[in-house]
Protein backbone atom coordinates (compact mmCIF):
# COMPACT_ATOMS: atom_id res chain seq x y z
CA SER A 1 218.64 -48.95 150.82
CA PHE A 2 215.06 -49.98 151.50
CA ALA A 3 211.77 -48.97 149.93
CA CYS A 4 208.75 -48.17 152.08
CA GLY A 5 207.16 -51.40 153.31
CA GLU A 6 210.23 -53.55 152.65
CA LEU A 7 211.37 -56.09 155.26
CA VAL A 8 214.52 -54.79 156.96
CA LEU A 9 215.14 -57.49 159.58
CA SER A 10 213.67 -60.81 160.68
CA GLU A 11 215.24 -62.30 163.80
CA ASP A 12 214.61 -64.93 166.45
CA ALA A 13 215.10 -64.03 170.11
CA LEU A 14 218.37 -64.44 171.95
CA LEU A 15 216.31 -64.78 175.15
CA ARG A 16 212.56 -65.01 175.62
CA VAL A 17 211.19 -62.99 178.52
CA PRO A 18 207.49 -63.87 178.78
CA ASP A 19 205.16 -62.50 181.43
CA THR A 20 205.21 -64.11 184.86
CA SER A 21 202.23 -66.11 186.02
CA GLN A 22 199.47 -64.21 187.79
CA GLU A 23 200.31 -66.02 191.04
CA ALA A 24 204.02 -65.15 190.85
CA GLY A 25 203.21 -61.58 189.95
CA GLN A 26 200.95 -61.25 192.97
CA ARG A 27 203.68 -62.61 195.26
CA LEU A 28 206.12 -60.05 193.89
CA GLN A 29 203.57 -57.28 194.38
CA ASN A 30 202.92 -58.30 197.98
CA LYS A 31 206.61 -58.43 198.84
CA PHE A 32 208.19 -55.65 196.76
CA GLY A 33 205.33 -53.25 196.03
CA ASP A 34 205.99 -50.80 193.20
CA ARG A 35 209.32 -52.51 192.38
CA ALA A 36 207.48 -55.68 191.32
CA PRO A 37 207.18 -54.83 187.58
CA PHE A 38 210.92 -54.18 187.41
CA LEU A 39 211.70 -57.52 189.06
CA ALA A 40 209.09 -59.62 187.23
CA PRO A 41 211.21 -60.53 184.15
CA ALA A 42 213.59 -62.52 186.38
CA LEU A 43 210.74 -64.91 187.20
CA GLY A 44 209.33 -65.03 183.66
CA VAL A 45 212.43 -66.52 182.03
CA GLN A 46 212.66 -70.31 181.81
CA TRP A 47 216.21 -70.42 183.17
CA ASP A 48 216.62 -74.17 182.76
CA ARG A 49 216.50 -73.61 178.99
CA VAL A 50 219.08 -70.79 178.99
CA SER A 51 222.67 -71.87 178.32
CA LYS A 52 225.69 -70.27 179.95
CA GLU A 53 226.68 -68.79 176.58
CA GLU A 54 223.26 -67.24 176.08
CA LEU A 55 223.26 -65.70 179.55
CA LYS A 56 226.78 -64.37 179.03
CA SER A 57 225.70 -62.81 175.72
CA VAL A 58 222.71 -61.12 177.32
CA LEU A 59 224.81 -59.67 180.13
CA ASN A 60 227.58 -58.39 177.85
CA LEU A 61 226.04 -57.35 174.53
CA PHE A 62 223.57 -54.72 175.71
CA PHE A 63 223.74 -51.23 177.15
CA VAL A 64 223.42 -50.61 180.86
CA HIS A 65 223.85 -47.16 182.36
CA PRO A 66 227.22 -46.88 184.19
CA SER A 67 225.49 -45.85 187.42
CA VAL A 68 223.97 -49.34 187.69
CA SER A 69 227.34 -50.87 188.60
CA ARG A 70 228.22 -48.15 191.10
CA SER A 71 227.90 -49.08 194.75
CA ASP A 72 228.35 -45.60 196.20
CA THR A 73 224.77 -44.42 195.75
CA LYS A 74 221.75 -45.10 197.90
CA GLN A 75 219.71 -46.23 194.90
CA ALA A 76 222.34 -48.78 193.83
CA GLU A 77 222.56 -50.08 197.39
CA THR A 78 218.77 -50.40 197.64
CA ASN A 79 218.56 -52.19 194.28
CA LEU A 80 221.22 -54.69 195.32
CA ILE A 81 219.42 -55.45 198.56
CA ILE A 82 216.20 -56.11 196.62
CA CYS A 83 218.03 -58.38 194.18
CA LYS A 84 219.61 -60.34 197.03
CA ASP A 85 216.19 -60.74 198.59
CA LEU A 86 214.71 -61.99 195.31
CA LEU A 87 217.55 -64.51 194.87
CA GLU A 88 217.07 -65.88 198.37
CA GLY A 89 213.50 -66.78 197.47
CA SER A 90 214.37 -68.64 194.26
CA GLU A 91 216.91 -71.46 194.16
CA LYS A 92 216.65 -71.56 190.37
CA LEU A 93 217.65 -67.92 190.11
CA LYS A 94 220.28 -68.19 192.82
CA SER A 95 222.05 -70.96 190.93
CA ARG A 96 222.39 -68.81 187.79
CA LEU A 97 222.94 -65.22 188.89
CA GLN A 98 224.84 -63.17 191.45
CA PRO A 99 223.05 -60.07 192.83
CA MET A 100 224.96 -57.63 190.61
CA ASP A 101 224.38 -59.81 187.54
CA LEU A 102 220.67 -59.98 188.34
CA LEU A 103 220.53 -56.19 188.67
CA ARG A 104 222.34 -55.81 185.35
CA PHE A 105 219.99 -58.30 183.69
CA LEU A 106 216.90 -56.47 184.95
CA HIS A 107 218.19 -53.14 183.65
CA ILE A 108 219.02 -54.72 180.28
CA VAL A 109 215.47 -56.07 180.00
CA ASP A 110 214.01 -52.76 181.15
CA LEU A 111 215.81 -50.85 178.38
CA ASN A 112 215.95 -53.40 175.56
CA ILE A 113 212.97 -55.76 175.68
CA HIS A 114 210.56 -55.98 172.76
CA ARG A 115 207.03 -56.67 174.01
CA ASP A 116 203.75 -56.17 172.15
CA ASP A 117 201.43 -54.84 174.86
CA GLU A 118 198.58 -54.28 172.39
CA LYS A 119 198.23 -57.97 171.48
CA PRO A 120 197.98 -60.28 174.52
CA GLU A 121 198.41 -63.35 172.29
CA MET A 122 201.92 -62.12 171.48
CA ALA A 123 203.05 -61.94 175.14
CA CYS A 124 204.97 -65.22 174.88
CA PHE A 125 207.17 -63.72 172.13
CA ALA A 126 208.59 -60.93 174.30
CA GLY A 127 212.36 -61.03 174.50
CA ILE A 128 215.85 -59.69 173.88
CA PHE A 129 217.17 -59.71 170.30
CA VAL A 130 220.82 -59.39 169.25
CA PHE A 131 220.19 -56.95 166.40
CA GLY A 132 216.60 -55.80 166.82
CA SER A 133 217.11 -54.70 170.42
CA LYS A 134 219.92 -52.41 169.28
CA PHE A 135 218.03 -50.28 166.79
CA SER A 136 218.37 -46.61 167.68
CA HIS A 137 215.50 -44.37 168.67
CA SER A 138 214.22 -41.55 166.50
CA CYS A 139 211.29 -39.18 166.92
CA ALA A 140 210.84 -39.55 163.14
CA PRO A 141 211.65 -43.26 162.78
CA ASN A 142 212.27 -45.04 159.50
CA CYS A 143 211.14 -48.48 160.76
CA SER A 144 208.40 -50.10 162.80
CA TRP A 145 208.43 -53.57 164.29
CA SER A 146 206.02 -56.42 164.94
CA PHE A 147 206.13 -60.15 165.69
CA SER A 148 205.51 -62.68 162.96
CA PRO A 149 203.02 -65.51 163.70
CA GLU A 150 206.06 -67.65 164.55
CA GLY A 151 207.41 -65.10 167.03
CA ARG A 152 210.21 -63.62 164.97
CA LEU A 153 210.91 -59.92 165.45
CA GLN A 154 210.40 -58.18 162.13
CA TYR A 155 211.25 -54.62 161.17
CA HIS A 156 209.72 -53.00 158.10
CA ALA A 157 210.60 -49.66 156.54
CA VAL A 158 207.86 -47.07 157.08
CA ARG A 159 209.49 -44.64 154.68
CA PRO A 160 212.33 -44.86 152.14
CA ILE A 161 215.71 -45.56 153.81
CA GLU A 162 218.90 -44.46 152.12
CA ALA A 163 222.16 -46.40 152.18
CA ASP A 164 224.20 -45.66 155.35
CA GLU A 165 221.14 -44.25 157.12
CA VAL A 166 220.83 -45.39 160.75
CA LEU A 167 217.94 -47.84 161.29
CA THR A 168 215.54 -46.44 163.87
CA PHE A 169 212.21 -46.98 165.55
CA SER A 170 210.34 -45.13 168.27
CA TYR A 171 210.99 -46.22 171.86
CA ILE A 172 207.69 -44.62 172.89
CA GLY A 173 205.42 -46.20 170.30
CA ASN A 174 203.99 -45.02 167.00
CA GLY A 175 201.08 -43.04 168.41
CA MET A 176 200.32 -39.38 167.88
CA ASN A 177 202.36 -38.58 171.02
CA LEU A 178 205.40 -38.40 168.72
CA LEU A 179 204.00 -35.09 167.45
CA THR A 180 204.56 -33.30 170.76
CA SER A 181 207.33 -30.73 171.24
CA THR A 182 211.02 -31.53 171.54
CA ILE A 183 211.10 -30.71 175.25
CA GLU A 184 208.06 -32.97 175.89
CA ARG A 185 209.54 -35.88 173.95
CA ARG A 186 213.00 -35.53 175.48
CA ARG A 187 211.62 -35.41 179.01
CA ARG A 188 209.56 -38.52 178.39
CA LEU A 189 212.53 -40.35 176.87
CA SER A 190 214.80 -39.32 179.76
CA THR A 191 213.12 -42.02 181.85
CA LEU A 192 215.03 -44.43 179.58
CA TRP A 193 218.28 -42.75 180.71
CA PHE A 194 219.21 -40.80 177.59
CA VAL A 195 218.61 -37.44 175.95
CA CYS A 196 217.37 -37.86 172.39
CA GLN A 197 219.80 -36.58 169.76
CA CYS A 198 217.78 -37.52 166.65
CA ALA A 199 217.64 -35.09 163.74
CA ARG A 200 214.18 -33.92 164.73
CA CYS A 201 215.22 -33.14 168.32
CA LYS A 202 218.41 -31.40 167.20
CA GLY A 203 216.60 -29.27 164.62
CA PRO A 204 214.05 -26.47 165.03
CA ASP A 205 211.13 -27.45 167.28
CA LEU A 206 208.50 -27.13 164.56
CA SER A 207 205.81 -28.73 166.70
CA ARG A 208 206.01 -25.87 169.17
CA LYS A 209 205.26 -22.83 167.02
CA ILE A 210 203.53 -20.14 169.10
CA ARG A 211 201.91 -16.81 168.22
CA CYS A 212 204.37 -13.97 168.66
CA PRO A 213 203.46 -11.79 171.70
CA ARG A 214 204.85 -8.70 169.93
CA CYS A 215 203.75 -8.78 166.29
CA GLY A 216 200.85 -11.22 166.80
CA VAL A 217 201.68 -13.43 163.81
CA ASP A 218 200.37 -16.94 164.40
CA GLY A 219 203.02 -19.65 164.63
CA SER A 220 205.97 -17.34 164.07
CA CYS A 221 207.80 -17.91 167.38
CA LEU A 222 210.10 -20.89 167.92
CA PRO A 223 211.99 -21.77 171.11
CA THR A 224 215.74 -21.24 171.17
CA TYR A 225 217.12 -24.12 173.21
CA GLY A 226 220.55 -23.75 174.75
CA GLN A 227 223.52 -26.02 174.21
CA ASP A 228 222.96 -29.54 175.51
CA PRO A 229 224.92 -30.24 178.70
CA ASN A 230 227.24 -33.26 178.94
CA TRP A 231 224.97 -36.15 179.91
CA ASP A 232 227.65 -38.85 179.90
CA THR A 233 227.66 -39.28 183.67
CA GLY A 234 224.95 -39.77 186.21
CA MET A 235 221.25 -40.45 185.84
CA ILE A 236 218.91 -38.13 183.96
CA THR A 237 215.54 -36.99 185.20
CA PRO A 238 212.91 -34.99 183.28
CA GLN A 239 213.45 -32.05 185.63
CA MET A 240 217.10 -31.84 184.58
CA LEU A 241 216.22 -30.93 180.98
CA PRO A 242 216.03 -27.12 180.77
CA ASP A 243 213.36 -25.38 178.71
CA ALA A 244 214.17 -22.57 176.29
CA GLU A 245 214.89 -19.20 177.87
CA HIS A 246 214.23 -17.24 174.67
CA TRP A 247 211.95 -17.47 171.65
CA HIS A 248 212.71 -16.08 168.19
CA CYS A 249 210.03 -14.66 165.90
CA GLY A 250 210.56 -15.40 162.23
CA SER A 251 208.20 -12.60 161.28
CA CYS A 252 209.33 -9.53 163.25
CA SER A 253 212.77 -10.93 164.29
CA ALA A 254 212.04 -10.28 167.96
CA ASN A 255 213.85 -12.36 170.60
CA CYS A 256 211.27 -12.81 173.32
CA PRO A 257 212.17 -13.96 176.83
CA SER A 258 210.18 -16.95 178.04
CA ALA A 259 208.37 -14.70 180.54
CA GLU A 260 206.51 -13.11 177.60
CA MET A 261 205.32 -16.43 176.22
CA PRO A 262 202.07 -18.21 177.27
CA LEU A 263 204.02 -21.10 178.77
CA GLN A 264 201.68 -21.76 181.68
CA GLU A 265 198.74 -22.17 179.31
CA GLU A 266 200.93 -24.28 177.00
CA SER A 267 201.87 -26.54 179.92
CA GLU A 268 198.22 -26.98 180.84
CA LEU A 269 197.28 -27.87 177.26
CA ALA A 270 200.25 -30.26 177.01
CA ARG A 271 198.78 -32.08 179.99
CA LEU A 272 195.09 -31.95 179.03
CA VAL A 273 195.23 -32.94 175.35
CA PRO A 274 197.32 -36.15 175.63
CA GLY A 275 195.55 -36.99 178.90
CA ALA A 276 192.14 -36.84 177.23
CA MET A 277 193.40 -38.89 174.28
CA MET A 278 194.80 -41.58 176.59
CA GLN A 279 191.44 -42.04 178.30
CA GLY A 280 190.08 -43.87 175.28
CA ARG A 281 186.51 -43.91 174.08
CA SER A 282 183.59 -44.61 176.38
CA GLU A 283 180.81 -47.00 175.40
CA GLU A 284 178.09 -45.02 177.18
CA PRO A 285 175.29 -43.58 174.98
CA GLY A 286 176.07 -40.03 173.90
CA SER A 287 179.69 -40.25 175.06
CA SER A 288 181.14 -39.73 171.57
CA CYS A 289 179.34 -36.38 171.30
CA LYS A 290 180.70 -35.28 174.69
CA GLU A 291 184.21 -36.40 173.80
CA ALA A 292 184.12 -34.65 170.41
CA THR A 293 182.91 -31.48 172.11
CA ARG A 294 185.71 -31.76 174.68
CA PHE A 295 188.38 -31.88 171.98
CA GLU A 296 186.69 -29.12 170.02
CA GLN A 297 186.91 -26.95 173.15
CA LEU A 298 190.58 -27.84 173.68
CA ARG A 299 191.27 -26.98 170.06
CA ALA A 300 189.61 -23.59 170.46
CA ARG A 301 191.54 -22.99 173.69
CA ALA A 302 194.82 -23.79 171.96
CA ALA A 303 193.98 -21.46 169.07
CA ALA A 304 193.23 -18.62 171.48
CA SER A 305 196.33 -19.02 173.65
CA VAL A 306 199.24 -20.61 171.76
CA GLY A 307 197.91 -20.41 168.20
CA THR A 308 196.84 -22.77 165.44
CA ARG A 309 200.37 -23.93 164.53
CA HIS A 310 201.04 -25.55 167.91
CA TRP A 311 200.99 -29.34 168.34
CA THR A 312 198.20 -29.18 170.95
CA HIS A 313 195.92 -27.55 168.38
CA THR A 314 196.71 -30.25 165.80
CA LEU A 315 196.33 -33.20 168.17
CA SER A 316 193.04 -31.94 169.61
CA GLY A 317 191.79 -31.50 166.04
CA PHE A 318 192.81 -35.07 165.18
CA ALA A 319 191.04 -36.41 168.28
CA PHE A 320 187.99 -34.29 167.45
CA LEU A 321 187.76 -35.95 164.02
CA GLN A 322 188.26 -39.39 165.54
CA ARG A 323 185.42 -38.93 168.01
CA SER A 324 183.21 -37.31 165.37
CA LEU A 325 183.71 -40.36 163.16
CA VAL A 326 182.37 -42.55 165.99
CA GLN A 327 179.56 -40.07 166.56
CA LEU A 328 178.52 -40.36 162.91
CA LYS A 329 177.90 -44.06 163.45
CA SER A 330 175.83 -43.67 166.61
CA ASP A 331 174.08 -40.29 166.77
CA PRO A 332 171.14 -39.32 164.54
CA VAL A 333 172.06 -35.62 164.52
CA ILE A 334 175.53 -34.05 164.16
CA LEU A 335 175.86 -30.32 164.79
CA HIS A 336 178.64 -29.80 162.26
CA THR A 337 178.72 -29.51 158.48
CA GLU A 338 180.85 -31.54 156.09
CA ALA A 339 182.78 -28.35 155.29
CA GLU A 340 183.70 -27.87 158.96
CA PHE A 341 185.07 -31.41 159.24
CA GLN A 342 186.93 -30.99 155.95
CA ALA A 343 188.56 -27.75 157.12
CA VAL A 344 189.94 -29.45 160.24
CA SER A 345 191.22 -32.41 158.19
CA VAL A 346 192.93 -30.13 155.66
CA GLU A 347 194.57 -28.16 158.46
CA ILE A 348 195.92 -31.34 160.06
CA ALA A 349 197.23 -32.71 156.74
CA GLU A 350 199.00 -29.43 155.97
CA TRP A 351 200.48 -29.17 159.48
CA LEU A 352 201.86 -32.72 159.30
CA LYS A 353 203.36 -32.17 155.86
CA ALA A 354 205.03 -28.93 156.96
CA ASN A 355 206.18 -29.86 160.45
CA ALA A 356 206.43 -33.67 160.64
CA SER A 357 206.85 -34.81 157.04
CA ALA A 358 209.07 -37.76 158.03
CA ASN A 359 206.59 -39.08 160.64
CA ALA A 360 205.05 -41.61 158.29
CA GLU A 361 202.92 -43.54 160.80
CA GLN A 362 201.32 -40.42 162.25
CA ARG A 363 200.56 -39.04 158.79
CA LEU A 364 198.99 -42.38 157.85
CA SER A 365 196.81 -42.31 160.99
CA ALA A 366 195.48 -38.86 160.08
CA MET A 367 194.96 -39.95 156.47
CA PHE A 368 192.90 -43.00 157.45
CA VAL A 369 190.62 -40.88 159.63
CA ALA A 370 190.10 -38.56 156.64
CA VAL A 371 189.45 -41.54 154.36
CA ARG A 372 186.71 -42.88 156.63
CA LEU A 373 185.12 -39.46 156.98
CA GLU A 374 185.18 -38.96 153.21
CA HIS A 375 183.58 -42.36 152.76
CA ASP A 376 180.72 -41.37 155.11
CA LEU A 377 180.31 -37.70 154.17
CA GLY A 378 181.64 -37.44 150.62
CA GLY A 379 183.33 -34.55 148.89
CA GLY A 380 186.27 -36.40 147.39
CA LEU A 381 189.60 -37.06 149.08
CA ARG A 382 191.10 -33.77 147.89
CA ALA A 383 188.51 -31.82 149.89
CA TRP A 384 189.87 -33.58 152.99
CA GLY A 385 193.46 -32.52 152.29
CA TYR A 386 194.86 -35.47 150.32
CA ASP A 387 195.76 -36.13 146.70
CA PRO A 388 193.60 -39.05 145.46
CA ILE A 389 196.46 -40.43 143.33
CA ASP A 390 199.25 -40.32 145.94
CA PRO A 391 197.78 -39.07 149.23
CA LEU A 392 201.05 -38.53 151.15
CA GLY A 393 203.71 -38.48 148.44
CA GLY A 394 207.37 -38.77 149.41
CA GLY A 395 207.65 -42.44 148.53
CA LEU A 396 205.43 -43.43 151.48
CA ASN A 397 203.32 -45.77 149.31
CA SER A 398 200.14 -44.47 150.93
CA ALA A 399 197.99 -45.57 147.99
CA MET A 400 199.27 -49.12 148.46
CA ARG A 401 198.52 -48.92 152.21
CA LEU A 402 194.95 -47.91 151.38
CA ARG A 403 194.55 -50.93 149.12
CA GLU A 404 196.02 -53.21 151.80
CA HIS A 405 193.28 -52.03 154.17
CA GLY A 406 190.52 -52.62 151.63
CA TRP A 407 190.11 -49.07 150.29
CA GLU A 408 189.86 -48.00 146.68
CA VAL A 409 189.81 -44.50 145.19
CA THR A 410 187.10 -44.06 142.57
CA PRO A 411 187.77 -42.10 139.34
CA GLU A 412 185.94 -39.19 140.97
CA GLY A 413 188.36 -39.19 143.91
CA SER A 414 185.94 -40.64 146.46
CA MET A 415 186.62 -43.61 148.72
CA ARG A 416 185.10 -47.05 148.31
CA SER A 417 185.65 -49.79 150.86
CA LYS A 418 185.83 -53.55 150.46
CA ASP A 419 182.38 -53.78 152.10
CA ASP A 420 180.97 -51.40 149.48
CA GLN A 421 182.30 -53.64 146.73
CA LEU A 422 180.82 -56.76 148.38
CA SER A 423 177.48 -54.98 148.78
CA ALA A 424 177.53 -53.98 145.13
CA VAL A 425 178.11 -57.59 144.12
CA GLU A 426 175.25 -58.79 146.35
CA ASN A 427 172.91 -56.11 144.99
CA THR A 428 173.76 -57.15 141.43
CA LYS A 429 172.91 -60.77 142.29
CA VAL A 430 169.57 -59.69 143.74
CA GLU A 431 168.74 -57.59 140.65
CA ARG A 432 169.52 -60.56 138.44
CA GLY A 433 167.47 -62.88 140.61
CA LEU A 434 170.46 -65.02 141.56
């Protein structure tokens, strides 16, 4: 078993797969167009440093979808032609790999590579790892990974892990996008050629609670997904994953057909909310106010159509608080009260605890936004939805995480940062004439 924060694995790469040079990447783009990113790893590897044993291990130890080795499909035929073309242009590659082996290698990298896209200085550490590249996916993972300064892949527990529990991380990152509905997550993950069978995806879709169209109770309707088809053969596309045909109300016990549910509005919100969050923050004057207003409007739209227990309402509220925090730093006037911000924060904290309690990283993200807002606006951490002693509970060591990031909870339950403490020391020196 592992406690939260404990090191689970530290491993050196079996094969490094760094980025290609800008010049090589441009040549690939000119010749192969949109297939260039898929082919690029073949030119990034320093093949003269790869032994026969290492190459054999890479080609045989990792999963590749069975359809890759089939030659009776147009896609497989096209891929082989592209690989042959790439080999003809590189004697170094041609001496190491046959076309089918190259295709297998590229698919292995595509599905198994660990690359830190958020830290350019870590690009040289990208690679395939014997154990680390085989961790399973979960939509409520118990681990997260990073590279050490020496380039070792390291996994740490993000929540307590029991003995015999499968070690997991998220194949789609640790962002708030993990809070979307089961059907949204599964369709996104299907591009990696599998249908997620984690406990969260197999259980009730708590992120997708919708107001019942019959009794009107907010958040009482959950989708009733049918039995999963057999996905062992053939490729999977997002369109192949069927949505629920019926919804069950836990309040009035009605079984509502999907035609009665506001699914068109839900689909629009599922596109707009993540899309707006992915745009990032603008540096233009007044942009934070506009962005906060945009998310406030999306939140109100979600409340009116799908209800306040739906993931789009929670995520737009989180983004609203994020942008408002930036706005507090830049705008002289804010048209909201502390109580209004606190109410949104409390709602998000309660939603996460009830519907995504095992999503430690997402709960921490929401907590840190609340911590910064409490620091600027006051009221004590409890007024923002968190216990000052153990903000998240459940063995998540959230108090320790606060200390690691330079935060301290005062006896009154307010937040004090490392900068506050340094300022207090400097002020004391000034008062004493030091």
